[in-house]
Amino acid sequence: MKRREALKNIGLSFASITISASTLSLVQSCQSNSTNIKFFTLKRLSLIDRIFEIIIPETDTPGSNTLNLSKFTDAYIYKNISLEDQKELNEEIDEFISVILSNENKKSISEIEDEKLEKHLSNHLNSDDFKDSNGNNYSELCRLMRRMVVSSYKTSEYVMTNLLGYVPIPGYYDGSVDV
């Protein structure tokens, strides 16, 4: 099944995020409030925003929506994932959306309460054997979304500087120290 391979490849790429020039430029571009999305459609982005906020909610630290993690994820996928894997990811997300909508008898993802969305997410995260009404298991997709939001959160400027103690240049330079 190629979808599972594509989801694993995307997950591995998110797991191997390092702070490089391109990643830093992605982080900086996501700090602005413009809606410059390149990969997700608005329908998918609304689901991603809500799922990300369920996984990393606003507490005493900023949540997913405050840190614009969905914009970072959108830019990362657009720049770093192959077109074939992007297409398969889109298909999987659309299928997951349609299953949620049919299970809840709703026409739009915005009509579904966060508690119901969290129930669907936790059903797939907690069990590899869980099958939805169409007989498919979306555990891999839900795990991928969790990995994406956690990786994006850990590489956000706020978390790096305020929570992880990131220092761009470790130590200080003192030219008068004997060697």
C-alpha atoms as a PDB file:
ATOM      1  CA  MET A   1       0.000   0.000   0.000  1.00  0.00           C
ATOM      2  CA  LYS A   2       1.777   3.142  -1.229  1.00  0.00           C
ATOM      3  CA  ARG A   3      -0.151   5.501   1.050  1.00  0.00           C
ATOM      4  CA  ARG A   4       1.396   3.941   4.136  1.00  0.00           C
ATOM      5  CA  GLU A   5       4.883   4.292   2.623  1.00  0.00           C
ATOM      6  CA  ALA A   6       4.210   7.920   1.744  1.00  0.00           C
ATOM      7  CA  LEU A   7       2.952   8.668   5.238  1.00  0.00           C
ATOM      8  CA  LYS A   8       6.002   6.963   6.756  1.00  0.00           C
ATOM      9  CA  ASN A   9       8.336   8.958   4.490  1.00  0.00           C
ATOM     10  CA  ILE A  10       6.664  12.213   5.448  1.00  0.00           C
ATOM     11  CA  GLY A  11       6.844  11.278   9.116  1.00  0.00           C
ATOM     12  CA  LEU A  12      10.531  10.418   8.848  1.00  0.00           C
ATOM     13  CA  SER A  13      11.276  13.730   7.210  1.00  0.00           C
ATOM     14  CA  PHE A  14       9.537  15.570  10.039  1.00  0.00           C
ATOM     15  CA  ALA A  15      11.383  13.487  12.589  1.00  0.00           C
ATOM     16  CA  SER A  16      14.698  14.518  11.071  1.00  0.00           C
ATOM     17  CA  ILE A  17      14.136  18.291  11.079  1.00  0.00           C
ATOM     18  CA  THR A  18      17.345  20.111  11.860  1.00  0.00           C
ATOM     19  CA  ILE A  19      17.900  23.801  12.228  1.00  0.00           C
ATOM     20  CA  SER A  20      19.277  24.772   8.862  1.00  0.00           C
ATOM     21  CA  ALA A  21      19.051  27.931   6.805  1.00  0.00           C
ATOM     22  CA  SER A  22      15.971  26.704   4.943  1.00  0.00           C
ATOM     23  CA  THR A  23      14.208  25.623   8.140  1.00  0.00           C
ATOM     24  CA  LEU A  24      14.986  28.946   9.786  1.00  0.00           C
ATOM     25  CA  SER A  25      13.602  30.807   6.771  1.00  0.00           C
ATOM     26  CA  LEU A  26      10.436  28.686   7.021  1.00  0.00           C
ATOM     27  CA  VAL A  27      10.087  29.569  10.703  1.00  0.00           C
ATOM     28  CA  GLN A  28      10.573  33.270   9.991  1.00  0.00           C
ATOM     29  CA  SER A  29       8.057  33.236   7.140  1.00  0.00           C
ATOM     30  CA  CYS A  30       5.468  31.646   9.436  1.00  0.00           C
ATOM     31  CA  GLN A  31       5.771  34.444  11.991  1.00  0.00           C
ATOM     32  CA  SER A  32       3.800  36.850   9.802  1.00  0.00           C
ATOM     33  CA  ASN A  33       0.005  36.918   9.970  1.00  0.00           C
ATOM     34  CA  SER A  34      -0.547  36.587   6.240  1.00  0.00           C
ATOM     35  CA  THR A  35      -2.423  33.551   4.995  1.00  0.00           C
ATOM     36  CA  ASN A  36       0.198  32.419   2.530  1.00  0.00           C
ATOM     37  CA  ILE A  37      -0.670  28.728   2.369  1.00  0.00           C
ATOM     38  CA  LYS A  38       0.812  26.717  -0.483  1.00  0.00           C
ATOM     39  CA  PHE A  39      -0.014  23.074   0.133  1.00  0.00           C
ATOM     40  CA  PHE A  40      -3.197  22.680   2.167  1.00  0.00           C
ATOM     41  CA  THR A  41      -6.574  23.836   0.933  1.00  0.00           C
ATOM     42  CA  LEU A  42      -8.663  25.931   3.324  1.00  0.00           C
ATOM     43  CA  LYS A  43     -10.824  22.889   4.117  1.00  0.00           C
ATOM     44  CA  ARG A  44      -7.781  20.790   5.010  1.00  0.00           C
ATOM     45  CA  LEU A  45      -6.148  23.669   6.843  1.00  0.00           C
ATOM     46  CA  SER A  46      -9.190  24.138   9.080  1.00  0.00           C
ATOM     47  CA  LEU A  47      -8.984  20.451  10.082  1.00  0.00           C
ATOM     48  CA  ILE A  48      -5.213  20.630  10.569  1.00  0.00           C
ATOM     49  CA  ASP A  49      -5.543  23.792  12.703  1.00  0.00           C
ATOM     50  CA  ARG A  50      -8.131  22.171  14.949  1.00  0.00           C
ATOM     51  CA  ILE A  51      -6.240  18.878  15.296  1.00  0.00           C
ATOM     52  CA  PHE A  52      -3.000  20.716  16.026  1.00  0.00           C
ATOM     53  CA  GLU A  53      -4.759  22.815  18.671  1.00  0.00           C
ATOM     54  CA  ILE A  54      -6.196  19.628  20.242  1.00  0.00           C
ATOM     55  CA  ILE A  55      -2.694  18.134  20.423  1.00  0.00           C
ATOM     56  CA  ILE A  56      -0.939  21.328  21.629  1.00  0.00           C
ATOM     57  CA  PRO A  57      -3.557  23.549  23.273  1.00  0.00           C
ATOM     58  CA  GLU A  58      -3.096  27.056  24.616  1.00  0.00           C
ATOM     59  CA  THR A  59      -2.061  26.866  28.277  1.00  0.00           C
ATOM     60  CA  ASP A  60       0.487  28.978  30.108  1.00  0.00           C
ATOM     61  CA  THR A  61       2.537  28.625  26.916  1.00  0.00           C
ATOM     62  CA  PRO A  62       1.264  29.502  23.436  1.00  0.00           C
ATOM     63  CA  GLY A  63      -0.694  26.844  21.602  1.00  0.00           C
ATOM     64  CA  SER A  64      -0.505  25.600  18.064  1.00  0.00           C
ATOM     65  CA  ASN A  65      -2.648  28.351  16.541  1.00  0.00           C
ATOM     66  CA  THR A  66      -0.762  31.137  18.307  1.00  0.00           C
ATOM     67  CA  LEU A  67       2.568  29.806  17.017  1.00  0.00           C
ATOM     68  CA  ASN A  68       1.194  29.290  13.461  1.00  0.00           C
ATOM     69  CA  LEU A  69       2.362  25.676  13.402  1.00  0.00           C
ATOM     70  CA  SER A  70       0.003  24.785  10.553  1.00  0.00           C
ATOM     71  CA  LYS A  71       1.672  27.443   8.368  1.00  0.00           C
ATOM     72  CA  PHE A  72       5.084  25.986   9.159  1.00  0.00           C
ATOM     73  CA  THR A  73       3.827  22.488   8.367  1.00  0.00           C
ATOM     74  CA  ASP A  74       2.256  23.740   5.135  1.00  0.00           C
ATOM     75  CA  ALA A  75       5.497  25.399   4.014  1.00  0.00           C
ATOM     76  CA  TYR A  76       7.610  22.416   5.087  1.00  0.00           C
ATOM     77  CA  ILE A  77       5.515  19.905   3.178  1.00  0.00           C
ATOM     78  CA  TYR A  78       5.378  22.176   0.115  1.00  0.00           C
ATOM     79  CA  LYS A  79       9.162  22.618  -0.002  1.00  0.00           C
ATOM     80  CA  ASN A  80      10.467  19.248   1.193  1.00  0.00           C
ATOM     81  CA  ILE A  81       8.040  16.475   0.276  1.00  0.00           C
ATOM     82  CA  SER A  82       7.806  14.952  -3.205  1.00  0.00           C
ATOM     83  CA  LEU A  83       4.764  15.761  -5.325  1.00  0.00           C
ATOM     84  CA  GLU A  84       3.655  12.126  -5.309  1.00  0.00           C
ATOM     85  CA  ASP A  85       3.762  11.959  -1.506  1.00  0.00           C
ATOM     86  CA  GLN A  86       1.961  15.326  -1.297  1.00  0.00           C
ATOM     87  CA  LYS A  87      -0.826  13.975  -3.500  1.00  0.00           C
ATOM     88  CA  GLU A  88      -1.198  10.834  -1.382  1.00  0.00           C
ATOM     89  CA  LEU A  89      -1.240  12.879   1.811  1.00  0.00           C
ATOM     90  CA  ASN A  90      -3.982  15.114   0.390  1.00  0.00           C
ATOM     91  CA  GLU A  91      -6.040  12.086  -0.596  1.00  0.00           C
ATOM     92  CA  GLU A  92      -5.655  10.554   2.862  1.00  0.00           C
ATOM     93  CA  ILE A  93      -6.647  13.796   4.613  1.00  0.00           C
ATOM     94  CA  ASP A  94      -9.675  14.238   2.322  1.00  0.00           C
ATOM     95  CA  GLU A  95     -10.748  10.648   2.987  1.00  0.00           C
ATOM     96  CA  PHE A  96     -10.358  11.169   6.745  1.00  0.00           C
ATOM     97  CA  ILE A  97     -12.434  14.362   6.556  1.00  0.00           C
ATOM     98  CA  SER A  98     -15.210  12.628   4.617  1.00  0.00           C
ATOM     99  CA  VAL A  99     -15.312   9.736   7.112  1.00  0.00           C
ATOM    100  CA  ILE A 100     -15.574  12.152  10.042  1.00  0.00           C
ATOM    101  CA  LEU A 101     -18.315  14.114   8.283  1.00  0.00           C
ATOM    102  CA  SER A 102     -20.299  10.991   7.428  1.00  0.00           C
ATOM    103  CA  ASN A 103     -19.956   9.585  10.966  1.00  0.00           C
ATOM    104  CA  GLU A 104     -21.174  12.838  12.493  1.00  0.00           C
ATOM    105  CA  ASN A 105     -23.817  13.541   9.780  1.00  0.00           C
ATOM    106  CA  LYS A 106     -22.412  17.008   9.099  1.00  0.00           C
ATOM    107  CA  LYS A 107     -21.672  18.887   5.892  1.00  0.00           C
ATOM    108  CA  SER A 108     -18.678  20.930   7.016  1.00  0.00           C
ATOM    109  CA  ILE A 109     -15.770  20.233   9.310  1.00  0.00           C
ATOM    110  CA  SER A 110     -16.457  23.522  11.107  1.00  0.00           C
ATOM    111  CA  GLU A 111     -19.823  22.135  12.298  1.00  0.00           C
ATOM    112  CA  ILE A 112     -18.136  19.366  14.300  1.00  0.00           C
ATOM    113  CA  GLU A 113     -17.372  20.062  17.949  1.00  0.00           C
ATOM    114  CA  ASP A 114     -13.786  19.764  19.163  1.00  0.00           C
ATOM    115  CA  GLU A 115     -14.750  16.947  21.536  1.00  0.00           C
ATOM    116  CA  LYS A 116     -16.025  14.809  18.649  1.00  0.00           C
ATOM    117  CA  LEU A 117     -12.912  15.570  16.607  1.00  0.00           C
ATOM    118  CA  GLU A 118     -10.743  14.656  19.571  1.00  0.00           C
ATOM    119  CA  LYS A 119     -12.647  11.369  19.920  1.00  0.00           C
ATOM    120  CA  HIS A 120     -11.920  10.466  16.284  1.00  0.00           C
ATOM    121  CA  LEU A 121      -8.270  11.417  16.700  1.00  0.00           C
ATOM    122  CA  SER A 122      -7.780   9.475  19.937  1.00  0.00           C
ATOM    123  CA  ASN A 123      -9.550   6.380  18.540  1.00  0.00           C
ATOM    124  CA  HIS A 124      -6.940   6.155  15.803  1.00  0.00           C
ATOM    125  CA  LEU A 125      -3.969   7.159  17.946  1.00  0.00           C
ATOM    126  CA  ASN A 126      -4.732   4.665  20.703  1.00  0.00           C
ATOM    127  CA  SER A 127      -5.325   1.594  18.565  1.00  0.00           C
ATOM    128  CA  ASP A 128      -3.781   0.196  15.403  1.00  0.00           C
ATOM    129  CA  ASP A 129      -6.773  -2.124  15.062  1.00  0.00           C
ATOM    130  CA  PHE A 130      -9.472   0.564  15.112  1.00  0.00           C
ATOM    131  CA  LYS A 131     -11.488   0.623  11.873  1.00  0.00           C
ATOM    132  CA  ASP A 132     -13.697   3.524  10.892  1.00  0.00           C
ATOM    133  CA  SER A 133     -17.116   3.202   9.266  1.00  0.00           C
ATOM    134  CA  ASN A 134     -15.537   2.706   5.836  1.00  0.00           C
ATOM    135  CA  GLY A 135     -13.308  -0.096   7.157  1.00  0.00           C
ATOM    136  CA  ASN A 136     -10.085   1.931   6.960  1.00  0.00           C
ATOM    137  CA  ASN A 137      -7.617   2.645   9.705  1.00  0.00           C
ATOM    138  CA  TYR A 138      -6.235   6.201   9.890  1.00  0.00           C
ATOM    139  CA  SER A 139      -3.767   5.522  12.717  1.00  0.00           C
ATOM    140  CA  GLU A 140      -0.794   6.277  10.478  1.00  0.00           C
ATOM    141  CA  LEU A 141      -2.256   9.617   9.385  1.00  0.00           C
ATOM    142  CA  CYS A 142      -3.111  10.615  12.964  1.00  0.00           C
ATOM    143  CA  ARG A 143       0.370   9.687  14.156  1.00  0.00           C
ATOM    144  CA  LEU A 144       1.845  11.693  11.294  1.00  0.00           C
ATOM    145  CA  MET A 145      -0.194  14.734  12.306  1.00  0.00           C
ATOM    146  CA  ARG A 146       0.968  14.337  15.898  1.00  0.00           C
ATOM    147  CA  ARG A 147       4.616  14.061  14.793  1.00  0.00           C
ATOM    148  CA  MET A 148       4.219  17.096  12.527  1.00  0.00           C
ATOM    149  CA  VAL A 149       2.792  19.312  15.264  1.00  0.00           C
ATOM    150  CA  VAL A 150       5.299  18.193  17.904  1.00  0.00           C
ATOM    151  CA  SER A 151       8.259  18.697  15.550  1.00  0.00           C
ATOM    152  CA  SER A 152       6.921  22.074  14.463  1.00  0.00           C
ATOM    153  CA  TYR A 153       6.361  23.056  18.095  1.00  0.00           C
ATOM    154  CA  LYS A 154       9.878  22.073  19.140  1.00  0.00           C
ATOM    155  CA  THR A 155      11.436  24.078  16.308  1.00  0.00           C
ATOM    156  CA  SER A 156       9.300  27.184  16.794  1.00  0.00           C
ATOM    157  CA  GLU A 157      11.127  30.338  17.823  1.00  0.00           C
ATOM    158  CA  TYR A 158       9.177  30.695  21.075  1.00  0.00           C
ATOM    159  CA  VAL A 159       9.946  27.166  22.269  1.00  0.00           C
ATOM    160  CA  MET A 160      13.580  27.262  21.166  1.00  0.00           C
ATOM    161  CA  THR A 161      14.354  30.541  22.926  1.00  0.00           C
ATOM    162  CA  ASN A 162      12.021  30.461  25.951  1.00  0.00           C
ATOM    163  CA  LEU A 163      11.607  26.803  26.861  1.00  0.00           C
ATOM    164  CA  LEU A 164      14.641  24.965  25.498  1.00  0.00           C
ATOM    165  CA  GLY A 165      17.230  27.648  26.218  1.00  0.00           C
ATOM    166  CA  TYR A 166      18.523  27.829  22.669  1.00  0.00           C
ATOM    167  CA  VAL A 167      21.610  30.027  22.343  1.00  0.00           C
ATOM    168  CA  PRO A 168      22.714  30.740  18.756  1.00  0.00           C
ATOM    169  CA  ILE A 169      26.407  30.828  19.768  1.00  0.00           C
ATOM    170  CA  PRO A 170      27.267  28.827  22.875  1.00  0.00           C
ATOM    171  CA  GLY A 171      29.524  30.560  25.347  1.00  0.00           C
ATOM    172  CA  TYR A 172      31.223  33.868  24.809  1.00  0.00           C
ATOM    173  CA  TYR A 173      34.468  34.940  23.223  1.00  0.00           C
ATOM    174  CA  ASP A 174      37.278  36.230  25.387  1.00  0.00           C
ATOM    175  CA  GLY A 175      40.386  36.921  23.332  1.00  0.00           C
ATOM    176  CA  SER A 176      42.675  37.367  26.328  1.00  0.00           C
ATOM    177  CA  VAL A 177      42.465  33.762  27.596  1.00  0.00           C
ATOM    178  CA  ASP A 178      45.739  31.820  27.611  1.00  0.00           C
ATOM    179  CA  VAL A 179      45.625  28.589  25.689  1.00  0.00           C
END
